[in-house]
């Protein structure tokens, strides 16, 4: 399981989740926002969101 525990926050946002990063074996807090119907912005962070990284996932065709 890569993503777990996400809760709907309203509009196109989910938060309070966990993301597992298999390359380093770490778990990070997670916030996701949906930008359009084919794009997710995932923000993984430790502690507070400013200390994190955003990835953009696009739906495969």
C-alpha atoms as a PDB file:
ATOM      1  CA  UNK A   1       0.000   0.000   0.000  1.00  0.00           C
ATOM      2  CA  UNK A   2       1.462   3.352  -1.029  1.00  0.00           C
ATOM      3  CA  UNK A   3      -1.284   5.758   0.148  1.00  0.00           C
ATOM      4  CA  UNK A   4      -3.509   5.362   3.203  1.00  0.00           C
ATOM      5  CA  UNK A   5      -5.718   7.230   5.653  1.00  0.00           C
ATOM      6  CA  UNK A   6      -6.733  10.136   3.408  1.00  0.00           C
ATOM      7  CA  UNK A   7      -9.793  12.150   4.441  1.00  0.00           C
ATOM      8  CA  UNK A   8     -11.864  14.410   2.216  1.00  0.00           C
ATOM      9  CA  UNK A   9     -11.238  18.066   3.147  1.00  0.00           C
ATOM     10  CA  UNK A  10     -13.616  19.709   0.696  1.00  0.00           C
ATOM     11  CA  UNK A  11     -13.644  20.876  -2.901  1.00  0.00           C
ATOM     12  CA  UNK A  12     -10.824  18.848  -4.501  1.00  0.00           C
ATOM     13  CA  UNK A  13      -8.590  18.302  -1.460  1.00  0.00           C
ATOM     14  CA  UNK A  14      -7.729  15.316   0.742  1.00  0.00           C
ATOM     15  CA  UNK A  15      -5.461  15.322   3.791  1.00  0.00           C
ATOM     16  CA  UNK A  16      -4.445  13.556   7.017  1.00  0.00           C
ATOM     17  CA  UNK A  17      -2.977  10.718   4.965  1.00  0.00           C
ATOM     18  CA  UNK A  18       0.283   8.796   4.847  1.00  0.00           C
ATOM     19  CA  UNK A  19       2.446   8.056   1.821  1.00  0.00           C
ATOM     20  CA  UNK A  20       5.023   5.274   1.793  1.00  0.00           C
ATOM     21  CA  UNK A  21       8.193   5.977  -0.175  1.00  0.00           C
ATOM     22  CA  UNK A  22       9.669   2.546  -1.030  1.00  0.00           C
ATOM     23  CA  UNK A  23      13.010   3.825  -2.322  1.00  0.00           C
ATOM     24  CA  UNK A  24      14.065   4.955   1.177  1.00  0.00           C
ATOM     25  CA  UNK A  25      11.495   3.019   3.209  1.00  0.00           C
ATOM     26  CA  UNK A  26      10.050   6.183   4.772  1.00  0.00           C
ATOM     27  CA  UNK A  27       6.515   7.239   5.605  1.00  0.00           C
ATOM     28  CA  UNK A  28       5.439  10.861   5.295  1.00  0.00           C
ATOM     29  CA  UNK A  29       2.337  12.920   6.004  1.00  0.00           C
ATOM     30  CA  UNK A  30       0.323  13.523   2.849  1.00  0.00           C
ATOM     31  CA  UNK A  31      -1.954  16.158   1.339  1.00  0.00           C
ATOM     32  CA  UNK A  32      -3.504  15.721  -2.126  1.00  0.00           C
ATOM     33  CA  UNK A  33      -5.286  18.201  -4.355  1.00  0.00           C
ATOM     34  CA  UNK A  34      -6.966  17.311  -7.616  1.00  0.00           C
ATOM     35  CA  UNK A  35      -6.275  19.799 -10.405  1.00  0.00           C
ATOM     36  CA  UNK A  36      -8.606  18.854 -13.236  1.00  0.00           C
ATOM     37  CA  UNK A  37      -9.934  15.358 -13.759  1.00  0.00           C
ATOM     38  CA  UNK A  38      -6.571  13.866 -14.782  1.00  0.00           C
ATOM     39  CA  UNK A  39      -4.002  15.485 -12.459  1.00  0.00           C
ATOM     40  CA  UNK A  40      -3.166  14.966  -8.768  1.00  0.00           C
ATOM     41  CA  UNK A  41      -0.750  17.130  -6.789  1.00  0.00           C
ATOM     42  CA  UNK A  42       0.671  15.080  -3.898  1.00  0.00           C
ATOM     43  CA  UNK A  43       2.524  16.878  -1.088  1.00  0.00           C
ATOM     44  CA  UNK A  44       4.518  14.583   1.185  1.00  0.00           C
ATOM     45  CA  UNK A  45       6.162  16.138   4.246  1.00  0.00           C
ATOM     46  CA  UNK A  46       7.648  15.639   7.710  1.00  0.00           C
ATOM     47  CA  UNK A  47       6.183  17.749  10.502  1.00  0.00           C
ATOM     48  CA  UNK A  48       4.960  20.786   8.573  1.00  0.00           C
ATOM     49  CA  UNK A  49       4.202  21.049   4.870  1.00  0.00           C
ATOM     50  CA  UNK A  50       7.025  23.517   4.160  1.00  0.00           C
ATOM     51  CA  UNK A  51       9.511  20.663   4.754  1.00  0.00           C
ATOM     52  CA  UNK A  52       8.317  18.428   1.962  1.00  0.00           C
ATOM     53  CA  UNK A  53       8.099  17.679  -1.722  1.00  0.00           C
ATOM     54  CA  UNK A  54       5.283  17.890  -4.268  1.00  0.00           C
ATOM     55  CA  UNK A  55       4.827  15.384  -7.069  1.00  0.00           C
ATOM     56  CA  UNK A  56       2.352  15.645  -9.914  1.00  0.00           C
ATOM     57  CA  UNK A  57       0.662  12.426 -11.030  1.00  0.00           C
ATOM     58  CA  UNK A  58      -1.130  12.370 -14.385  1.00  0.00           C
ATOM     59  CA  UNK A  59      -3.649   9.722 -15.430  1.00  0.00           C
ATOM     60  CA  UNK A  60      -2.334   7.363 -18.115  1.00  0.00           C
ATOM     61  CA  UNK A  61      -4.291   7.246 -21.346  1.00  0.00           C
END
